[in-house]
Amino acid sequence: MNQINTVTIGKLIEAHREGDEQKFKTYVDFIVKAAIRVTTVSRGKLFWMKQRNRLYTTKQAGTNPKS
């Protein structure tokens, strides 16, 4: 799993200061991919949490969600 941490950010800054565009682009791409993955996982989790809460609320009220 790609994780963004202080070392990754430090390497990104280092590449920028050195003027190494290829290295800089590599770290930017890594960070973007990690951020997209986190966002996608979070959205999926959020969807299932909402579904679970909806089902629980429906059971508590004693109603049928399909009606």
PDB file of N, CA and C in Angstrom:
ATOM      1  N   MET A   1       0.834  -1.167   0.000  1.00  0.00           N
ATOM      2  CA  MET A   1       0.000   0.000   0.000  1.00  0.00           C
ATOM      3  C   MET A   1       0.889   1.244   0.000  1.00  0.00           C
ATOM      4  N   ASN A   2       0.528   2.214  -0.793  1.00  0.00           N
ATOM      5  CA  ASN A   2       1.273   3.467  -0.835  1.00  0.00           C
ATOM      6  C   ASN A   2       0.856   4.347   0.334  1.00  0.00           C
ATOM      7  N   GLN A   3       1.830   4.798   1.094  1.00  0.00           N
ATOM      8  CA  GLN A   3       1.543   5.687   2.210  1.00  0.00           C
ATOM      9  C   GLN A   3       2.370   6.949   2.067  1.00  0.00           C
ATOM     10  N   ILE A   4       1.729   8.073   2.320  1.00  0.00           N
ATOM     11  CA  ILE A   4       2.422   9.351   2.287  1.00  0.00           C
ATOM     12  C   ILE A   4       2.881   9.640   3.715  1.00  0.00           C
ATOM     13  N   ASN A   5       4.180   9.812   3.885  1.00  0.00           N
ATOM     14  CA  ASN A   5       4.701  10.123   5.215  1.00  0.00           C
ATOM     15  C   ASN A   5       5.718  11.257   5.103  1.00  0.00           C
ATOM     16  N   THR A   6       6.357  11.581   6.204  1.00  0.00           N
ATOM     17  CA  THR A   6       7.300  12.701   6.213  1.00  0.00           C
ATOM     18  C   THR A   6       8.507  12.439   5.318  1.00  0.00           C
ATOM     19  N   VAL A   7       8.915  11.193   5.214  1.00  0.00           N
ATOM     20  CA  VAL A   7      10.058  10.876   4.350  1.00  0.00           C
ATOM     21  C   VAL A   7       9.706  11.164   2.892  1.00  0.00           C
ATOM     22  N   THR A   8       8.498  10.765   2.482  1.00  0.00           N
ATOM     23  CA  THR A   8       8.055  11.009   1.108  1.00  0.00           C
ATOM     24  C   THR A   8       8.015  12.505   0.811  1.00  0.00           C
ATOM     25  N   ILE A   9       7.445  13.266   1.722  1.00  0.00           N
ATOM     26  CA  ILE A   9       7.366  14.720   1.542  1.00  0.00           C
ATOM     27  C   ILE A   9       8.766  15.321   1.514  1.00  0.00           C
ATOM     28  N   GLY A  10       9.641  14.831   2.398  1.00  0.00           N
ATOM     29  CA  GLY A  10      11.026  15.306   2.427  1.00  0.00           C
ATOM     30  C   GLY A  10      11.760  15.034   1.115  1.00  0.00           C
ATOM     31  N   LYS A  11      11.553  13.859   0.557  1.00  0.00           N
ATOM     32  CA  LYS A  11      12.185  13.516  -0.727  1.00  0.00           C
ATOM     33  C   LYS A  11      11.634  14.391  -1.853  1.00  0.00           C
ATOM     34  N   LEU A  12      10.342  14.696  -1.793  1.00  0.00           N
ATOM     35  CA  LEU A  12       9.733  15.591  -2.782  1.00  0.00           C
ATOM     36  C   LEU A  12      10.375  16.980  -2.724  1.00  0.00           C
ATOM     37  N   ILE A  13      10.527  17.494  -1.521  1.00  0.00           N
ATOM     38  CA  ILE A  13      11.149  18.819  -1.336  1.00  0.00           C
ATOM     39  C   ILE A  13      12.610  18.787  -1.783  1.00  0.00           C
ATOM     40  N   GLU A  14      13.306  17.727  -1.430  1.00  0.00           N
ATOM     41  CA  GLU A  14      14.712  17.572  -1.822  1.00  0.00           C
ATOM     42  C   GLU A  14      14.865  17.576  -3.347  1.00  0.00           C
ATOM     43  N   ALA A  15      14.006  16.841  -4.020  1.00  0.00           N
ATOM     44  CA  ALA A  15      14.055  16.794  -5.490  1.00  0.00           C
ATOM     45  C   ALA A  15      13.786  18.176  -6.080  1.00  0.00           C
ATOM     46  N   HIS A  16      12.870  18.903  -5.477  1.00  0.00           N
ATOM     47  CA  HIS A  16      12.563  20.259  -5.955  1.00  0.00           C
ATOM     48  C   HIS A  16      13.777  21.179  -5.772  1.00  0.00           C
ATOM     49  N   ARG A  17      14.394  21.123  -4.606  1.00  0.00           N
ATOM     50  CA  ARG A  17      15.554  21.974  -4.326  1.00  0.00           C
ATOM     51  C   ARG A  17      16.739  21.644  -5.238  1.00  0.00           C
ATOM     52  N   GLU A  18      16.884  20.353  -5.566  1.00  0.00           N
ATOM     53  CA  GLU A  18      17.970  19.938  -6.452  1.00  0.00           C
ATOM     54  C   GLU A  18      17.681  20.272  -7.915  1.00  0.00           C
ATOM     55  N   GLY A  19      16.423  20.568  -8.200  1.00  0.00           N
ATOM     56  CA  GLY A  19      16.038  20.852  -9.579  1.00  0.00           C
ATOM     57  C   GLY A  19      15.918  19.594 -10.432  1.00  0.00           C
ATOM     58  N   ASP A  20      15.772  18.449  -9.792  1.00  0.00           N
ATOM     59  CA  ASP A  20      15.651  17.172 -10.487  1.00  0.00           C
ATOM     60  C   ASP A  20      14.176  16.946 -10.846  1.00  0.00           C
ATOM     61  N   GLU A  21      13.806  17.363 -12.050  1.00  0.00           N
ATOM     62  CA  GLU A  21      12.402  17.306 -12.454  1.00  0.00           C
ATOM     63  C   GLU A  21      11.855  15.882 -12.518  1.00  0.00           C
ATOM     64  N   GLN A  22      12.659  14.937 -12.985  1.00  0.00           N
ATOM     65  CA  GLN A  22      12.187  13.547 -13.089  1.00  0.00           C
ATOM     66  C   GLN A  22      11.896  12.964 -11.709  1.00  0.00           C
ATOM     67  N   LYS A  23      12.829  13.181 -10.787  1.00  0.00           N
ATOM     68  CA  LYS A  23      12.643  12.679  -9.425  1.00  0.00           C
ATOM     69  C   LYS A  23      11.431  13.355  -8.773  1.00  0.00           C
ATOM     70  N   PHE A  24      11.301  14.657  -8.986  1.00  0.00           N
ATOM     71  CA  PHE A  24      10.173  15.418  -8.438  1.00  0.00           C
ATOM     72  C   PHE A  24       8.853  14.860  -8.977  1.00  0.00           C
ATOM     73  N   LYS A  25       8.787  14.637 -10.294  1.00  0.00           N
ATOM     74  CA  LYS A  25       7.570  14.115 -10.919  1.00  0.00           C
ATOM     75  C   LYS A  25       7.231  12.728 -10.375  1.00  0.00           C
ATOM     76  N   THR A  26       8.247  11.915 -10.146  1.00  0.00           N
ATOM     77  CA  THR A  26       8.025  10.576  -9.600  1.00  0.00           C
ATOM     78  C   THR A  26       7.357  10.654  -8.227  1.00  0.00           C
ATOM     79  N   TYR A  27       7.847  11.547  -7.368  1.00  0.00           N
ATOM     80  CA  TYR A  27       7.251  11.691  -6.036  1.00  0.00           C
ATOM     81  C   TYR A  27       5.854  12.292  -6.113  1.00  0.00           C
ATOM     82  N   VAL A  28       5.640  13.237  -6.995  1.00  0.00           N
ATOM     83  CA  VAL A  28       4.301  13.812  -7.170  1.00  0.00           C
ATOM     84  C   VAL A  28       3.328  12.722  -7.605  1.00  0.00           C
ATOM     85  N   ASP A  29       3.715  11.917  -8.583  1.00  0.00           N
ATOM     86  CA  ASP A  29       2.852  10.828  -9.061  1.00  0.00           C
ATOM     87  C   ASP A  29       2.540   9.836  -7.936  1.00  0.00           C
ATOM     88  N   PHE A  30       3.547   9.509  -7.146  1.00  0.00           N
ATOM     89  CA  PHE A  30       3.357   8.588  -6.020  1.00  0.00           C
ATOM     90  C   PHE A  30       2.336   9.152  -5.037  1.00  0.00           C
ATOM     91  N   ILE A  31       2.476  10.426  -4.702  1.00  0.00           N
ATOM     92  CA  ILE A  31       1.570  11.068  -3.746  1.00  0.00           C
ATOM     93  C   ILE A  31       0.147  11.123  -4.301  1.00  0.00           C
ATOM     94  N   VAL A  32       0.015  11.457  -5.564  1.00  0.00           N
ATOM     95  CA  VAL A  32      -1.310  11.518  -6.189  1.00  0.00           C
ATOM     96  C   VAL A  32      -1.974  10.144  -6.170  1.00  0.00           C
ATOM     97  N   LYS A  33      -1.231   9.110  -6.542  1.00  0.00           N
ATOM     98  CA  LYS A  33      -1.801   7.747  -6.543  1.00  0.00           C
ATOM     99  C   LYS A  33      -2.225   7.329  -5.134  1.00  0.00           C
ATOM    100  N   ALA A  34      -1.413   7.645  -4.140  1.00  0.00           N
ATOM    101  CA  ALA A  34      -1.754   7.296  -2.758  1.00  0.00           C
ATOM    102  C   ALA A  34      -2.993   8.062  -2.304  1.00  0.00           C
ATOM    103  N   ALA A  35      -3.079   9.325  -2.668  1.00  0.00           N
ATOM    104  CA  ALA A  35      -4.234  10.142  -2.280  1.00  0.00           C
ATOM    105  C   ALA A  35      -5.505   9.641  -2.954  1.00  0.00           C
ATOM    106  N   ILE A  36      -5.413   9.256  -4.214  1.00  0.00           N
ATOM    107  CA  ILE A  36      -6.584   8.733  -4.928  1.00  0.00           C
ATOM    108  C   ILE A  36      -7.042   7.432  -4.280  1.00  0.00           C
ATOM    109  N   ARG A  37      -6.108   6.577  -3.927  1.00  0.00           N
ATOM    110  CA  ARG A  37      -6.469   5.307  -3.299  1.00  0.00           C
ATOM    111  C   ARG A  37      -7.180   5.542  -1.975  1.00  0.00           C
ATOM    112  N   VAL A  38      -6.660   6.444  -1.163  1.00  0.00           N
ATOM    113  CA  VAL A  38      -7.278   6.751   0.128  1.00  0.00           C
ATOM    114  C   VAL A  38      -8.677   7.298  -0.077  1.00  0.00           C
ATOM    115  N   THR A  39      -8.849   8.191  -1.040  1.00  0.00           N
ATOM    116  CA  THR A  39     -10.154   8.772  -1.318  1.00  0.00           C
ATOM    117  C   THR A  39     -11.135   7.699  -1.767  1.00  0.00           C
ATOM    118  N   THR A  40     -10.696   6.810  -2.649  1.00  0.00           N
ATOM    119  CA  THR A  40     -11.569   5.753  -3.151  1.00  0.00           C
ATOM    120  C   THR A  40     -11.987   4.814  -2.026  1.00  0.00           C
ATOM    121  N   VAL A  41     -11.039   4.413  -1.190  1.00  0.00           N
ATOM    122  CA  VAL A  41     -11.348   3.528  -0.066  1.00  0.00           C
ATOM    123  C   VAL A  41     -12.301   4.232   0.894  1.00  0.00           C
ATOM    124  N   SER A  42     -12.068   5.484   1.180  1.00  0.00           N
ATOM    125  CA  SER A  42     -12.921   6.231   2.103  1.00  0.00           C
ATOM    126  C   SER A  42     -14.336   6.340   1.572  1.00  0.00           C
ATOM    127  N   ARG A  43     -14.495   6.601   0.279  1.00  0.00           N
ATOM    128  CA  ARG A  43     -15.834   6.689  -0.305  1.00  0.00           C
ATOM    129  C   ARG A  43     -16.560   5.359  -0.217  1.00  0.00           C
ATOM    130  N   GLY A  44     -15.838   4.275  -0.494  1.00  0.00           N
ATOM    131  CA  GLY A  44     -16.444   2.946  -0.399  1.00  0.00           C
ATOM    132  C   GLY A  44     -16.876   2.635   1.021  1.00  0.00           C
ATOM    133  N   LYS A  45     -16.020   2.956   1.978  1.00  0.00           N
ATOM    134  CA  LYS A  45     -16.350   2.740   3.383  1.00  0.00           C
ATOM    135  C   LYS A  45     -17.560   3.566   3.775  1.00  0.00           C
ATOM    136  N   LEU A  46     -17.589   4.817   3.350  1.00  0.00           N
ATOM    137  CA  LEU A  46     -18.685   5.708   3.677  1.00  0.00           C
ATOM    138  C   LEU A  46     -20.000   5.165   3.135  1.00  0.00           C
ATOM    139  N   PHE A  47     -19.995   4.654   1.897  1.00  0.00           N
ATOM    140  CA  PHE A  47     -21.200   4.078   1.297  1.00  0.00           C
ATOM    141  C   PHE A  47     -21.743   2.952   2.161  1.00  0.00           C
ATOM    142  N   TRP A  48     -20.864   2.020   2.565  1.00  0.00           N
ATOM    143  CA  TRP A  48     -21.323   0.876   3.343  1.00  0.00           C
ATOM    144  C   TRP A  48     -21.734   1.270   4.745  1.00  0.00           C
ATOM    145  N   MET A  49     -21.108   2.274   5.321  1.00  0.00           N
ATOM    146  CA  MET A  49     -21.520   2.752   6.635  1.00  0.00           C
ATOM    147  C   MET A  49     -22.918   3.358   6.566  1.00  0.00           C
ATOM    148  N   LYS A  50     -23.195   4.121   5.494  1.00  0.00           N
ATOM    149  CA  LYS A  50     -24.527   4.702   5.326  1.00  0.00           C
ATOM    150  C   LYS A  50     -25.577   3.614   5.161  1.00  0.00           C
ATOM    151  N   GLN A  51     -25.233   2.578   4.382  1.00  0.00           N
ATOM    152  CA  GLN A  51     -26.176   1.483   4.179  1.00  0.00           C
ATOM    153  C   GLN A  51     -26.472   0.773   5.500  1.00  0.00           C
ATOM    154  N   ARG A  52     -25.441   0.528   6.283  1.00  0.00           N
ATOM    155  CA  ARG A  52     -25.619  -0.126   7.580  1.00  0.00           C
ATOM    156  C   ARG A  52     -26.482   0.728   8.499  1.00  0.00           C
ATOM    157  N   ASN A  53     -26.211   2.029   8.539  1.00  0.00           N
ATOM    158  CA  ASN A  53     -26.987   2.927   9.395  1.00  0.00           C
ATOM    159  C   ASN A  53     -28.443   2.996   8.938  1.00  0.00           C
ATOM    160  N   ARG A  54     -28.649   3.004   7.648  1.00  0.00           N
ATOM    161  CA  ARG A  54     -30.012   3.053   7.106  1.00  0.00           C
ATOM    162  C   ARG A  54     -30.780   1.795   7.514  1.00  0.00           C
ATOM    163  N   LEU A  55     -30.137   0.647   7.408  1.00  0.00           N
ATOM    164  CA  LEU A  55     -30.772  -0.613   7.776  1.00  0.00           C
ATOM    165  C   LEU A  55     -31.076  -0.627   9.271  1.00  0.00           C
ATOM    166  N   TYR A  56     -30.139  -0.193  10.085  1.00  0.00           N
ATOM    167  CA  TYR A  56     -30.332  -0.164  11.536  1.00  0.00           C
ATOM    168  C   TYR A  56     -31.489   0.758  11.900  1.00  0.00           C
ATOM    169  N   THR A  57     -31.520   1.959  11.298  1.00  0.00           N
ATOM    170  CA  THR A  57     -32.573   2.932  11.580  1.00  0.00           C
ATOM    171  C   THR A  57     -33.932   2.369  11.167  1.00  0.00           C
ATOM    172  N   THR A  58     -33.979   1.704  10.021  1.00  0.00           N
ATOM    173  CA  THR A  58     -35.222   1.119   9.530  1.00  0.00           C
ATOM    174  C   THR A  58     -35.715   0.030  10.481  1.00  0.00           C
ATOM    175  N   LYS A  59     -34.797  -0.808  10.969  1.00  0.00           N
ATOM    176  CA  LYS A  59     -35.176  -1.854  11.915  1.00  0.00           C
ATOM    177  C   LYS A  59     -35.688  -1.258  13.213  1.00  0.00           C
ATOM    178  N   GLN A  60     -35.068  -0.195  13.679  1.00  0.00           N
ATOM    179  CA  GLN A  60     -35.480   0.451  14.921  1.00  0.00           C
ATOM    180  C   GLN A  60     -36.887   1.022  14.782  1.00  0.00           C
ATOM    181  N   ALA A  61     -37.202   1.586  13.615  1.00  0.00           N
ATOM    182  CA  ALA A  61     -38.502   2.205  13.398  1.00  0.00           C
ATOM    183  C   ALA A  61     -39.568   1.157  13.097  1.00  0.00           C
ATOM    184  N   GLY A  62     -39.147  -0.063  12.727  1.00  0.00           N
ATOM    185  CA  GLY A  62     -40.081  -1.126  12.424  1.00  0.00           C
ATOM    186  C   GLY A  62     -40.735  -0.973  11.065  1.00  0.00           C
ATOM    187  N   THR A  63     -40.035  -0.339  10.146  1.00  0.00           N
ATOM    188  CA  THR A  63     -40.579  -0.148   8.798  1.00  0.00           C
ATOM    189  C   THR A  63     -39.795  -0.963   7.797  1.00  0.00           C
ATOM    190  N   ASN A  64     -40.350  -1.115   6.635  1.00  0.00           N
ATOM    191  CA  ASN A  64     -39.695  -1.846   5.549  1.00  0.00           C
ATOM    192  C   ASN A  64     -39.090  -0.836   4.585  1.00  0.00           C
ATOM    193  N   PRO A  65     -37.789  -0.889   4.317  1.00  0.00           N
ATOM    194  CA  PRO A  65     -37.165   0.114   3.439  1.00  0.00           C
ATOM    195  C   PRO A  65     -37.647   0.039   1.996  1.00  0.00           C
ATOM    196  N   LYS A  66     -38.240  -1.072   1.591  1.00  0.00           N
ATOM    197  CA  LYS A  66     -38.687  -1.198   0.215  1.00  0.00           C
ATOM    198  C   LYS A  66     -40.079  -0.623  -0.003  1.00  0.00           C
ATOM    199  N   SER A  67     -40.784  -0.286   1.056  1.00  0.00           N
ATOM    200  CA  SER A  67     -42.132   0.239   0.864  1.00  0.00           C
ATOM    201  C   SER A  67     -42.161   1.744   0.757  1.00  0.00           C
TER     202      SER A  67
END
